[in-house]
Amino acid sequence: GRGGRGAAALRGELERCHARLAETASRLRVAHEQERGYVGRMTEQQGTIDHQQGTIDHLQSKVDALREDLRQGDAAQAALAVQVAAAREHQVSSSRAMAQDLAAERKRVRELQDLLRVTR
């Protein structure tokens, strides 16, 4: 009789082990599903992050280009200001020279008129 009861006990123990194993396997499947979903979401988020980083890089390069344009514009404006100042300076000095020439010319005319008056 004792052997039979031992076999039944073993059978019961084995069934409990099988049930626990099935439960563990089921929990493992659920965990795997969750992990797959999590990995999928992470990959998606990484894609979004990469896209945003690309957009940021693109905008940064636009900003850099605009800054360079401004810098070149400022340099061109400064060069133009120098040219304008030089042209103005030239104008002033040539006007002064013309005024001196004109004064000398008037003086010569007066001297000639005086000579003419004397000779008359």
C-alpha atoms as a PDB file:
ATOM      1  CA  GLY A   1       0.000   0.000   0.000  1.00  0.00           C
ATOM      2  CA  ARG A   2       2.839   2.380   0.872  1.00  0.00           C
ATOM      3  CA  GLY A   3       4.414   2.279  -2.572  1.00  0.00           C
ATOM      4  CA  GLY A   4       1.111   3.289  -4.221  1.00  0.00           C
ATOM      5  CA  ARG A   5       0.693   6.277  -1.959  1.00  0.00           C
ATOM      6  CA  GLY A   6       4.321   7.367  -2.715  1.00  0.00           C
ATOM      7  CA  ALA A   7       3.692   7.138  -6.454  1.00  0.00           C
ATOM      8  CA  ALA A   8       0.471   9.219  -6.114  1.00  0.00           C
ATOM      9  CA  ALA A   9       2.360  11.817  -4.052  1.00  0.00           C
ATOM     10  CA  LEU A  10       5.084  11.951  -6.697  1.00  0.00           C
ATOM     11  CA  ARG A  11       2.487  12.290  -9.429  1.00  0.00           C
ATOM     12  CA  GLY A  12       0.844  15.200  -7.540  1.00  0.00           C
ATOM     13  CA  GLU A  13       4.216  16.881  -7.015  1.00  0.00           C
ATOM     14  CA  LEU A  14       4.997  16.463 -10.739  1.00  0.00           C
ATOM     15  CA  GLU A  15       1.631  17.995 -11.732  1.00  0.00           C
ATOM     16  CA  ARG A  16       2.247  20.952  -9.409  1.00  0.00           C
ATOM     17  CA  CYS A  17       5.697  21.404 -10.971  1.00  0.00           C
ATOM     18  CA  HIS A  18       4.159  21.328 -14.467  1.00  0.00           C
ATOM     19  CA  ALA A  19       1.537  23.899 -13.442  1.00  0.00           C
ATOM     20  CA  ARG A  20       4.228  26.175 -11.957  1.00  0.00           C
ATOM     21  CA  LEU A  21       6.312  25.752 -15.117  1.00  0.00           C
ATOM     22  CA  ALA A  22       3.337  26.619 -17.345  1.00  0.00           C
ATOM     23  CA  GLU A  23       2.596  29.697 -15.186  1.00  0.00           C
ATOM     24  CA  THR A  24       6.250  30.795 -15.336  1.00  0.00           C
ATOM     25  CA  ALA A  25       6.326  30.284 -19.126  1.00  0.00           C
ATOM     26  CA  SER A  26       3.151  32.366 -19.454  1.00  0.00           C
ATOM     27  CA  ARG A  27       4.621  35.163 -17.308  1.00  0.00           C
ATOM     28  CA  LEU A  28       7.817  35.011 -19.377  1.00  0.00           C
ATOM     29  CA  ARG A  29       5.787  35.357 -22.620  1.00  0.00           C
ATOM     30  CA  VAL A  30       4.015  38.432 -21.212  1.00  0.00           C
ATOM     31  CA  ALA A  31       7.372  39.899 -20.125  1.00  0.00           C
ATOM     32  CA  HIS A  32       8.770  39.269 -23.635  1.00  0.00           C
ATOM     33  CA  GLU A  33       5.751  40.996 -25.224  1.00  0.00           C
ATOM     34  CA  GLN A  34       6.187  43.986 -22.899  1.00  0.00           C
ATOM     35  CA  GLU A  35       9.900  44.121 -23.659  1.00  0.00           C
ATOM     36  CA  ARG A  36       9.229  44.018 -27.411  1.00  0.00           C
ATOM     37  CA  GLY A  37       6.717  46.860 -27.045  1.00  0.00           C
ATOM     38  CA  TYR A  38       9.165  48.828 -24.919  1.00  0.00           C
ATOM     39  CA  VAL A  39      11.998  48.310 -27.425  1.00  0.00           C
ATOM     40  CA  GLY A  40       9.657  49.350 -30.250  1.00  0.00           C
ATOM     41  CA  ARG A  41       8.689  52.530 -28.405  1.00  0.00           C
ATOM     42  CA  MET A  42      12.344  53.280 -27.595  1.00  0.00           C
ATOM     43  CA  THR A  43      13.304  52.832 -31.270  1.00  0.00           C
ATOM     44  CA  GLU A  44      10.434  55.120 -32.312  1.00  0.00           C
ATOM     45  CA  GLN A  45      11.491  57.764 -29.760  1.00  0.00           C
ATOM     46  CA  GLN A  46      15.109  57.483 -30.908  1.00  0.00           C
ATOM     47  CA  GLY A  47      13.910  58.086 -34.473  1.00  0.00           C
ATOM     48  CA  THR A  48      11.988  61.170 -33.332  1.00  0.00           C
ATOM     49  CA  ILE A  49      15.038  62.420 -31.401  1.00  0.00           C
ATOM     50  CA  ASP A  50      17.307  61.865 -34.433  1.00  0.00           C
ATOM     51  CA  HIS A  51      14.831  63.734 -36.651  1.00  0.00           C
ATOM     52  CA  GLN A  52      14.661  66.664 -34.210  1.00  0.00           C
ATOM     53  CA  GLN A  53      18.468  66.710 -33.970  1.00  0.00           C
ATOM     54  CA  GLY A  54      18.620  66.857 -37.768  1.00  0.00           C
ATOM     55  CA  THR A  55      16.163  69.774 -37.775  1.00  0.00           C
ATOM     56  CA  ILE A  56      18.222  71.557 -35.089  1.00  0.00           C
ATOM     57  CA  ASP A  57      21.458  71.003 -37.058  1.00  0.00           C
ATOM     58  CA  HIS A  58      19.770  72.320 -40.235  1.00  0.00           C
ATOM     59  CA  LEU A  59      18.512  75.445 -38.437  1.00  0.00           C
ATOM     60  CA  GLN A  60      21.925  75.968 -36.812  1.00  0.00           C
ATOM     61  CA  SER A  61      23.633  75.886 -40.217  1.00  0.00           C
ATOM     62  CA  LYS A  62      21.039  78.398 -41.520  1.00  0.00           C
ATOM     63  CA  VAL A  63      21.773  80.671 -38.541  1.00  0.00           C
ATOM     64  CA  ASP A  64      25.526  80.341 -39.195  1.00  0.00           C
ATOM     65  CA  ALA A  65      25.023  81.206 -42.885  1.00  0.00           C
ATOM     66  CA  LEU A  66      22.916  84.266 -41.989  1.00  0.00           C
ATOM     67  CA  ARG A  67      25.525  85.362 -39.448  1.00  0.00           C
ATOM     68  CA  GLU A  68      28.222  85.051 -42.135  1.00  0.00           C
ATOM     69  CA  ASP A  69      26.052  87.072 -44.584  1.00  0.00           C
ATOM     70  CA  LEU A  70      25.639  89.778 -41.938  1.00  0.00           C
ATOM     71  CA  ARG A  71      29.372  89.793 -41.232  1.00  0.00           C
ATOM     72  CA  GLN A  72      30.161  90.154 -44.943  1.00  0.00           C
ATOM     73  CA  GLY A  73      27.480  92.859 -45.253  1.00  0.00           C
ATOM     74  CA  ASP A  74      29.032  94.755 -42.350  1.00  0.00           C
ATOM     75  CA  ALA A  75      32.485  94.429 -43.913  1.00  0.00           C
ATOM     76  CA  ALA A  76      31.155  95.667 -47.292  1.00  0.00           C
ATOM     77  CA  GLN A  77      29.405  98.575 -45.571  1.00  0.00           C
ATOM     78  CA  ALA A  78      32.610  99.497 -43.718  1.00  0.00           C
ATOM     79  CA  ALA A  79      34.605  99.353 -46.984  1.00  0.00           C
ATOM     80  CA  LEU A  80      31.976 101.525 -48.684  1.00  0.00           C
ATOM     81  CA  ALA A  81      32.121 104.043 -45.824  1.00  0.00           C
ATOM     82  CA  VAL A  82      35.921 104.254 -46.287  1.00  0.00           C
ATOM     83  CA  GLN A  83      35.465 104.802 -50.054  1.00  0.00           C
ATOM     84  CA  VAL A  84      32.813 107.484 -49.466  1.00  0.00           C
ATOM     85  CA  ALA A  85      35.062 109.258 -46.947  1.00  0.00           C
ATOM     86  CA  ALA A  86      37.996 109.126 -49.401  1.00  0.00           C
ATOM     87  CA  ALA A  87      35.801 110.441 -52.240  1.00  0.00           C
ATOM     88  CA  ARG A  88      34.521 113.259 -49.995  1.00  0.00           C
ATOM     89  CA  GLU A  89      38.091 114.110 -48.972  1.00  0.00           C
ATOM     90  CA  HIS A  90      39.147 114.151 -52.646  1.00  0.00           C
ATOM     91  CA  GLN A  91      36.163 116.358 -53.527  1.00  0.00           C
ATOM     92  CA  VAL A  92      37.025 118.810 -50.738  1.00  0.00           C
ATOM     93  CA  SER A  93      40.706 119.020 -51.686  1.00  0.00           C
ATOM     94  CA  SER A  94      39.967 119.355 -55.424  1.00  0.00           C
ATOM     95  CA  SER A  95      37.330 122.037 -54.655  1.00  0.00           C
ATOM     96  CA  ARG A  96      39.936 123.841 -52.565  1.00  0.00           C
ATOM     97  CA  ALA A  97      42.471 123.537 -55.400  1.00  0.00           C
ATOM     98  CA  MET A  98      39.911 124.827 -57.918  1.00  0.00           C
ATOM     99  CA  ALA A  99      39.082 127.757 -55.603  1.00  0.00           C
ATOM    100  CA  GLN A 100      42.804 128.596 -55.338  1.00  0.00           C
ATOM    101  CA  ASP A 101      43.174 128.340 -59.141  1.00  0.00           C
ATOM    102  CA  LEU A 102      40.145 130.575 -59.554  1.00  0.00           C
ATOM    103  CA  ALA A 103      41.556 133.125 -57.065  1.00  0.00           C
ATOM    104  CA  ALA A 104      44.906 133.096 -58.907  1.00  0.00           C
ATOM    105  CA  GLU A 105      43.082 133.509 -62.223  1.00  0.00           C
ATOM    106  CA  ARG A 106      41.083 136.496 -60.870  1.00  0.00           C
ATOM    107  CA  LYS A 107      44.286 138.028 -59.556  1.00  0.00           C
ATOM    108  CA  ARG A 108      45.914 137.684 -63.012  1.00  0.00           C
ATOM    109  CA  VAL A 109      42.830 139.230 -64.651  1.00  0.00           C
ATOM    110  CA  ARG A 110      42.964 142.180 -62.212  1.00  0.00           C
ATOM    111  CA  GLU A 111      46.684 142.610 -62.871  1.00  0.00           C
ATOM    112  CA  LEU A 112      46.031 142.588 -66.640  1.00  0.00           C
ATOM    113  CA  GLN A 113      43.188 145.088 -66.243  1.00  0.00           C
ATOM    114  CA  ASP A 114      45.488 147.315 -64.182  1.00  0.00           C
ATOM    115  CA  LEU A 115      48.153 147.059 -66.892  1.00  0.00           C
ATOM    116  CA  LEU A 116      45.588 147.944 -69.555  1.00  0.00           C
ATOM    117  CA  ARG A 117      44.434 150.944 -67.547  1.00  0.00           C
ATOM    118  CA  VAL A 118      48.006 152.136 -67.121  1.00  0.00           C
ATOM    119  CA  THR A 119      48.800 151.709 -70.827  1.00  0.00           C
ATOM    120  CA  ARG A 120      45.662 153.596 -71.927  1.00  0.00           C
END
